C-alpha atoms as a PDB file:
ATOM      1  CA  UNK A   1       0.348  -0.181  -0.504  1.00  0.00           C
ATOM      2  CA  UNK A   2       1.051   3.333  -0.765  1.00  0.00           C
ATOM      3  CA  UNK A   3      -0.073   6.634   0.380  1.00  0.00           C
ATOM      4  CA  UNK A   4       0.034  10.213  -2.440  1.00  0.00           C
ATOM      5  CA  UNK A   5      -0.738  13.338  -0.244  1.00  0.00           C
ATOM      6  CA  UNK A   6      -2.889  15.727  -2.552  1.00  0.00           C
ATOM      7  CA  UNK A   7      -2.993  18.523  -0.224  1.00  0.00           C
ATOM      8  CA  UNK A   8      -2.853  19.461   3.582  1.00  0.00           C
ATOM      9  CA  UNK A   9      -4.514  22.896   4.367  1.00  0.00           C
ATOM     10  CA  UNK A  10      -3.468  24.332   8.628  1.00  0.00           C
ATOM     11  CA  UNK A  11      -6.443  24.846  10.471  1.00  0.00           C
ATOM     12  CA  UNK A  12      -6.615  26.401  13.952  1.00  0.00           C
ATOM     13  CA  UNK A  13      -3.260  24.397  14.688  1.00  0.00           C
ATOM     14  CA  UNK A  14      -4.600  20.874  13.367  1.00  0.00           C
ATOM     15  CA  UNK A  15      -4.299  19.861   9.693  1.00  0.00           C
ATOM     16  CA  UNK A  16      -6.983  18.592   6.927  1.00  0.00           C
ATOM     17  CA  UNK A  17      -5.739  16.051   4.430  1.00  0.00           C
ATOM     18  CA  UNK A  18      -5.988  15.213   0.914  1.00  0.00           C
ATOM     19  CA  UNK A  19      -4.254  11.926   0.221  1.00  0.00           C
ATOM     20  CA  UNK A  20      -4.765   8.866  -2.468  1.00  0.00           C
ATOM     21  CA  UNK A  21      -4.595   5.616  -0.982  1.00  0.00           C
ATOM     22  CA  UNK A  22      -3.259   3.077  -3.564  1.00  0.00           C
ATOM     23  CA  UNK A  23      -3.397  -1.094  -2.914  1.00  0.00           C
ATOM     24  CA  UNK A  24      -2.031  -3.053  -6.255  1.00  0.00           C
ATOM     25  CA  UNK A  25      -3.658  -6.026  -6.119  1.00  0.00           C
ATOM     26  CA  UNK A  26      -2.192  -8.737  -8.832  1.00  0.00           C
ATOM     27  CA  UNK A  27      -4.522  -8.497 -10.864  1.00  0.00           C
ATOM     28  CA  UNK A  28      -5.538  -4.274 -10.735  1.00  0.00           C
ATOM     29  CA  UNK A  29      -4.581  -1.022  -9.199  1.00  0.00           C
ATOM     30  CA  UNK A  30      -7.171   0.398  -7.222  1.00  0.00           C
ATOM     31  CA  UNK A  31      -6.603   4.019  -5.263  1.00  0.00           C
ATOM     32  CA  UNK A  32      -8.917   5.493  -3.252  1.00  0.00           C
ATOM     33  CA  UNK A  33      -9.353   9.265  -1.699  1.00  0.00           C
ATOM     34  CA  UNK A  34     -10.019   9.726   1.467  1.00  0.00           C
ATOM     35  CA  UNK A  35     -10.621  13.083   2.986  1.00  0.00           C
ATOM     36  CA  UNK A  36      -9.398  13.795   7.021  1.00  0.00           C
ATOM     37  CA  UNK A  37      -9.662  16.314   9.350  1.00  0.00           C
ATOM     38  CA  UNK A  38      -7.596  15.532  12.783  1.00  0.00           C
ATOM     39  CA  UNK A  39      -9.248  17.632  15.456  1.00  0.00           C
ATOM     40  CA  UNK A  40      -6.077  17.011  17.848  1.00  0.00           C
ATOM     41  CA  UNK A  41      -3.228  19.513  16.928  1.00  0.00           C
ATOM     42  CA  UNK A  42      -0.101  19.474  15.168  1.00  0.00           C
ATOM     43  CA  UNK A  43       3.371  18.380  16.305  1.00  0.00           C
ATOM     44  CA  UNK A  44       6.603  21.200  16.440  1.00  0.00           C
ATOM     45  CA  UNK A  45       8.114  18.828  14.361  1.00  0.00           C
ATOM     46  CA  UNK A  46       5.329  18.845  11.184  1.00  0.00           C
ATOM     47  CA  UNK A  47       5.168  22.786  11.789  1.00  0.00           C
ATOM     48  CA  UNK A  48       8.302  23.070  11.383  1.00  0.00           C
ATOM     49  CA  UNK A  49       8.316  21.203   8.028  1.00  0.00           C
ATOM     50  CA  UNK A  50       5.610  23.176   6.495  1.00  0.00           C
ATOM     51  CA  UNK A  51       7.501  26.279   7.707  1.00  0.00           C
ATOM     52  CA  UNK A  52      10.512  25.095   6.013  1.00  0.00           C
ATOM     53  CA  UNK A  53       8.690  25.903   2.721  1.00  0.00           C
ATOM     54  CA  UNK A  54       8.317  30.383   3.598  1.00  0.00           C
ATOM     55  CA  UNK A  55      11.338  30.634   2.037  1.00  0.00           C
ATOM     56  CA  UNK A  56      10.638  29.849  -0.826  1.00  0.00           C
ATOM     57  CA  UNK A  57       7.449  30.910  -0.722  1.00  0.00           C
ATOM     58  CA  UNK A  58       9.544  34.595  -0.802  1.00  0.00           C
ATOM     59  CA  UNK A  59      10.881  33.576  -3.128  1.00  0.00           C
ATOM     60  CA  UNK A  60       8.098  32.128  -5.434  1.00  0.00           C
ATOM     61  CA  UNK A  61       5.443  35.414  -4.824  1.00  0.00           C
ATOM     62  CA  UNK A  62       8.359  37.213  -5.771  1.00  0.00           C
ATOM     63  CA  UNK A  63       7.840  40.246  -2.667  1.00  0.00           C
ATOM     64  CA  UNK A  64      10.191  42.800  -2.661  1.00  0.00           C
ATOM     65  CA  UNK A  65      11.056  42.911   0.544  1.00  0.00           C
ATOM     66  CA  UNK A  66      13.448  39.654  -0.922  1.00  0.00           C
ATOM     67  CA  UNK A  67      16.596  42.270  -1.696  1.00  0.00           C
ATOM     68  CA  UNK A  68      18.630  41.590  -2.986  1.00  0.00           C
ATOM     69  CA  UNK A  69      17.618  38.873  -4.742  1.00  0.00           C
ATOM     70  CA  UNK A  70      19.051  35.135  -3.744  1.00  0.00           C
ATOM     71  CA  UNK A  71      19.502  34.503  -6.888  1.00  0.00           C
ATOM     72  CA  UNK A  72      20.656  37.339  -9.121  1.00  0.00           C
ATOM     73  CA  UNK A  73      23.544  37.414  -5.991  1.00  0.00           C
ATOM     74  CA  UNK A  74      23.599  33.113  -7.183  1.00  0.00           C
ATOM     75  CA  UNK A  75      23.204  32.008  -4.293  1.00  0.00           C
ATOM     76  CA  UNK A  76      23.963  28.552  -4.528  1.00  0.00           C
ATOM     77  CA  UNK A  77      21.388  26.937  -1.172  1.00  0.00           C
ATOM     78  CA  UNK A  78      19.178  29.510  -0.100  1.00  0.00           C
ATOM     79  CA  UNK A  79      18.841  28.312   3.577  1.00  0.00           C
ATOM     80  CA  UNK A  80      21.534  30.170   3.822  1.00  0.00           C
ATOM     81  CA  UNK A  81      20.207  33.722   2.661  1.00  0.00           C
ATOM     82  CA  UNK A  82      19.071  36.120   5.366  1.00  0.00           C
ATOM     83  CA  UNK A  83      15.403  37.149   4.617  1.00  0.00           C
ATOM     84  CA  UNK A  84      16.026  39.439   7.583  1.00  0.00           C
ATOM     85  CA  UNK A  85      12.264  40.469   9.300  1.00  0.00           C
ATOM     86  CA  UNK A  86      10.452  39.162   6.672  1.00  0.00           C
ATOM     87  CA  UNK A  87       9.850  35.198   7.002  1.00  0.00           C
ATOM     88  CA  UNK A  88       8.455  36.942  10.479  1.00  0.00           C
ATOM     89  CA  UNK A  89       5.521  38.638   8.353  1.00  0.00           C
ATOM     90  CA  UNK A  90       5.014  35.028   6.033  1.00  0.00           C
ATOM     91  CA  UNK A  91       3.076  32.604   6.894  1.00  0.00           C
ATOM     92  CA  UNK A  92       2.289  29.133   4.949  1.00  0.00           C
ATOM     93  CA  UNK A  93      -1.181  27.963   5.313  1.00  0.00           C
ATOM     94  CA  UNK A  94      -0.751  24.726   3.477  1.00  0.00           C
ATOM     95  CA  UNK A  95      -0.068  23.066  -0.154  1.00  0.00           C
ATOM     96  CA  UNK A  96      -1.667  21.610  -3.383  1.00  0.00           C
ATOM     97  CA  UNK A  97       0.268  18.700  -5.292  1.00  0.00           C
ATOM     98  CA  UNK A  98      -0.227  17.269  -8.317  1.00  0.00           C
ATOM     99  CA  UNK A  99       0.887  14.412  -9.500  1.00  0.00           C
ATOM    100  CA  UNK A 100       2.299  12.878 -13.112  1.00  0.00           C
ATOM    101  CA  UNK A 101       4.121  10.517 -15.426  1.00  0.00           C
ATOM    102  CA  UNK A 102       6.785  13.492 -15.466  1.00  0.00           C
ATOM    103  CA  UNK A 103       6.963  13.900 -11.743  1.00  0.00           C
ATOM    104  CA  UNK A 104       5.190  16.693  -8.891  1.00  0.00           C
ATOM    105  CA  UNK A 105       3.775  20.159  -9.371  1.00  0.00           C
ATOM    106  CA  UNK A 106       3.605  22.155  -5.909  1.00  0.00           C
ATOM    107  CA  UNK A 107       1.369  24.898  -5.088  1.00  0.00           C
ATOM    108  CA  UNK A 108       2.191  27.107  -1.632  1.00  0.00           C
ATOM    109  CA  UNK A 109      -0.735  28.689  -0.685  1.00  0.00           C
ATOM    110  CA  UNK A 110      -0.012  30.524   2.596  1.00  0.00           C
ATOM    111  CA  UNK A 111      -0.282  34.969   2.724  1.00  0.00           C
ATOM    112  CA  UNK A 112       1.517  38.109   4.097  1.00  0.00           C
ATOM    113  CA  UNK A 113       1.468  40.291   7.083  1.00  0.00           C
ATOM    114  CA  UNK A 114       0.582  43.670   6.672  1.00  0.00           C
ATOM    115  CA  UNK A 115      -0.416  46.738   9.371  1.00  0.00           C
ATOM    116  CA  UNK A 116      -3.725  47.005   8.395  1.00  0.00           C
ATOM    117  CA  UNK A 117      -4.427  43.690   6.077  1.00  0.00           C
ATOM    118  CA  UNK A 118      -3.143  39.768   6.006  1.00  0.00           C
ATOM    119  CA  UNK A 119      -2.829  39.708   1.950  1.00  0.00           C
ATOM    120  CA  UNK A 120      -3.902  35.563   0.771  1.00  0.00           C
ATOM    121  CA  UNK A 121      -1.862  34.435  -1.948  1.00  0.00           C
ATOM    122  CA  UNK A 122      -1.127  31.227  -3.599  1.00  0.00           C
ATOM    123  CA  UNK A 123       1.977  30.820  -5.199  1.00  0.00           C
ATOM    124  CA  UNK A 124       2.816  29.807  -8.604  1.00  0.00           C
ATOM    125  CA  UNK A 125       3.107  26.119  -9.129  1.00  0.00           C
ATOM    126  CA  UNK A 126       7.053  24.850  -9.297  1.00  0.00           C
ATOM    127  CA  UNK A 127       7.221  21.297 -11.105  1.00  0.00           C
ATOM    128  CA  UNK A 128       9.647  18.745  -9.873  1.00  0.00           C
ATOM    129  CA  UNK A 129      11.328  18.712 -12.431  1.00  0.00           C
ATOM    130  CA  UNK A 130      11.910  22.679 -13.029  1.00  0.00           C
ATOM    131  CA  UNK A 131      14.749  24.595 -14.371  1.00  0.00           C
ATOM    132  CA  UNK A 132      13.766  27.540 -13.701  1.00  0.00           C
ATOM    133  CA  UNK A 133      13.930  27.643 -10.098  1.00  0.00           C
ATOM    134  CA  UNK A 134      17.846  27.255  -9.171  1.00  0.00           C
ATOM    135  CA  UNK A 135      16.407  26.194  -5.085  1.00  0.00           C
ATOM    136  CA  UNK A 136      13.889  23.692  -6.406  1.00  0.00           C
ATOM    137  CA  UNK A 137      16.105  20.402  -5.021  1.00  0.00           C
ATOM    138  CA  UNK A 138      15.692  22.284  -2.187  1.00  0.00           C
ATOM    139  CA  UNK A 139      12.125  22.514  -2.654  1.00  0.00           C
ATOM    140  CA  UNK A 140      10.983  19.312  -3.146  1.00  0.00           C
ATOM    141  CA  UNK A 141      13.339  18.052   0.006  1.00  0.00           C
ATOM    142  CA  UNK A 142      11.673  20.094   2.744  1.00  0.00           C
ATOM    143  CA  UNK A 143       8.318  18.561   0.488  1.00  0.00           C
ATOM    144  CA  UNK A 144       9.310  15.292   1.465  1.00  0.00           C
ATOM    145  CA  UNK A 145       9.978  16.025   4.853  1.00  0.00           C
ATOM    146  CA  UNK A 146       6.321  17.342   5.060  1.00  0.00           C
ATOM    147  CA  UNK A 147       4.499  13.855   3.722  1.00  0.00           C
ATOM    148  CA  UNK A 148       6.733  11.613   6.142  1.00  0.00           C
ATOM    149  CA  UNK A 149       5.952  14.131   9.275  1.00  0.00           C
ATOM    150  CA  UNK A 150       1.944  14.428   7.840  1.00  0.00           C
ATOM    151  CA  UNK A 151       1.801  10.317   7.716  1.00  0.00           C
ATOM    152  CA  UNK A 152       3.200  10.598  11.206  1.00  0.00           C
ATOM    153  CA  UNK A 153       0.125  13.035  12.282  1.00  0.00           C
ATOM    154  CA  UNK A 154      -2.520  10.496  11.035  1.00  0.00           C
ATOM    155  CA  UNK A 155      -1.352   6.856  11.114  1.00  0.00           C
ATOM    156  CA  UNK A 156       1.143   7.073  13.288  1.00  0.00           C
ATOM    157  CA  UNK A 157      -0.635   9.449  15.942  1.00  0.00           C
ATOM    158  CA  UNK A 158       2.162  12.221  16.126  1.00  0.00           C
ATOM    159  CA  UNK A 159       0.724  15.327  18.144  1.00  0.00           C
ATOM    160  CA  UNK A 160       1.493  18.016  20.359  1.00  0.00           C
ATOM    161  CA  UNK A 161      -0.321  16.253  22.781  1.00  0.00           C
ATOM    162  CA  UNK A 162      -0.708  12.707  23.975  1.00  0.00           C
ATOM    163  CA  UNK A 163      -3.345  11.584  26.737  1.00  0.00           C
ATOM    164  CA  UNK A 164      -0.646   9.879  29.237  1.00  0.00           C
ATOM    165  CA  UNK A 165      -1.041   6.839  31.760  1.00  0.00           C
ATOM    166  CA  UNK A 166      -0.775   8.178  35.629  1.00  0.00           C
ATOM    167  CA  UNK A 167       1.683   5.489  37.197  1.00  0.00           C
ATOM    168  CA  UNK A 168       0.303   3.008  38.922  1.00  0.00           C
ATOM    169  CA  UNK A 169       1.590   2.304  42.605  1.00  0.00           C
ATOM    170  CA  UNK A 170       1.883  -1.630  42.589  1.00  0.00           C
ATOM    171  CA  UNK A 171       2.350  -1.362  45.998  1.00  0.00           C
ATOM    172  CA  UNK A 172      -0.965   0.419  46.895  1.00  0.00           C
ATOM    173  CA  UNK A 173      -2.809  -1.768  45.276  1.00  0.00           C
ATOM    174  CA  UNK A 174      -6.434  -2.806  46.960  1.00  0.00           C
ATOM    175  CA  UNK A 175      -5.065  -5.978  48.786  1.00  0.00           C
ATOM    176  CA  UNK A 176      -2.755  -4.055  50.773  1.00  0.00           C
ATOM    177  CA  UNK A 177      -4.807  -0.912  51.413  1.00  0.00           C
ATOM    178  CA  UNK A 178      -7.252  -3.450  52.742  1.00  0.00           C
ATOM    179  CA  UNK A 179      -5.335  -5.225  55.165  1.00  0.00           C
ATOM    180  CA  UNK A 180      -3.817  -2.253  56.078  1.00  0.00           C
ATOM    181  CA  UNK A 181      -6.700  -0.955  56.671  1.00  0.00           C
ATOM    182  CA  UNK A 182      -8.036  -4.574  58.863  1.00  0.00           C
ATOM    183  CA  UNK A 183      -4.880  -3.795  61.076  1.00  0.00           C
ATOM    184  CA  UNK A 184      -6.033  -0.617  61.997  1.00  0.00           C
ATOM    185  CA  UNK A 185      -8.987  -1.856  63.434  1.00  0.00           C
ATOM    186  CA  UNK A 186      -7.652  -4.731  65.385  1.00  0.00           C
ATOM    187  CA  UNK A 187      -5.005  -2.140  66.495  1.00  0.00           C
ATOM    188  CA  UNK A 188      -7.981  -0.983  68.121  1.00  0.00           C
ATOM    189  CA  UNK A 189      -9.307  -1.824  71.809  1.00  0.00           C
ATOM    190  CA  UNK A 190     -12.828  -2.102  71.873  1.00  0.00           C
ATOM    191  CA  UNK A 191     -15.133  -0.357  73.976  1.00  0.00           C
ATOM    192  CA  UNK A 192     -16.562  -1.717  77.102  1.00  0.00           C
ATOM    193  CA  UNK A 193     -19.892  -0.266  78.355  1.00  0.00           C
ATOM    194  CA  UNK A 194     -20.016  -0.920  82.433  1.00  0.00           C
ATOM    195  CA  UNK A 195     -23.294  -0.879  84.071  1.00  0.00           C
ATOM    196  CA  UNK A 196     -24.191   2.315  86.774  1.00  0.00           C
ATOM    197  CA  UNK A 197     -23.949   2.184  90.717  1.00  0.00           C
ATOM    198  CA  UNK A 198     -27.526   1.259  91.456  1.00  0.00           C
ATOM    199  CA  UNK A 199     -28.710   4.189  94.445  1.00  0.00           C
ATOM    200  CA  UNK A 200     -29.526   2.179  97.241  1.00  0.00           C
ATOM    201  CA  UNK A 201     -32.706   3.291  98.738  1.00  0.00           C
ATOM    202  CA  UNK A 202     -32.867   5.180 101.551  1.00  0.00           C
END
């Protein structure tokens, strides 16, 4: 069985995911489409993986704050570029993936905070074999990391909070408690009621 993540959208720190489940049999290949909305909060690892798309989002949207242009400067790795405080104003809220015989095409969804409003944007789609975007290898490496974390979130319960069982002290089990209570009962002396002395008739 194989999983293909088609889209993911953040919603109040949880994740809405669309994916395909592909099951290969000796005679055919069966594909099932799923939409899953989890109420649990995403793990920090998944949040960090999604945030790793922010530099690519800023580059693809050609924000004017990206000056000088890393591409024009001949920067080989976008991870080494200093975006200043721009990435604090940029957010990634999700993505979509289209699959084809030639590879994958990624569309990043997000936006930017301004002084008075929020601008929602979708970056231009980038294919995995693109020659126009020089950081395409880093982009799809980041995407593979996100896919892995999403599968951990969906199928292995990797989320921000997980209910844990309280530790149980075996020395305080019901048997020992009952025995201790009995011991305490045996130690207590029983009170005896005496008869009141009879008054002599005068």
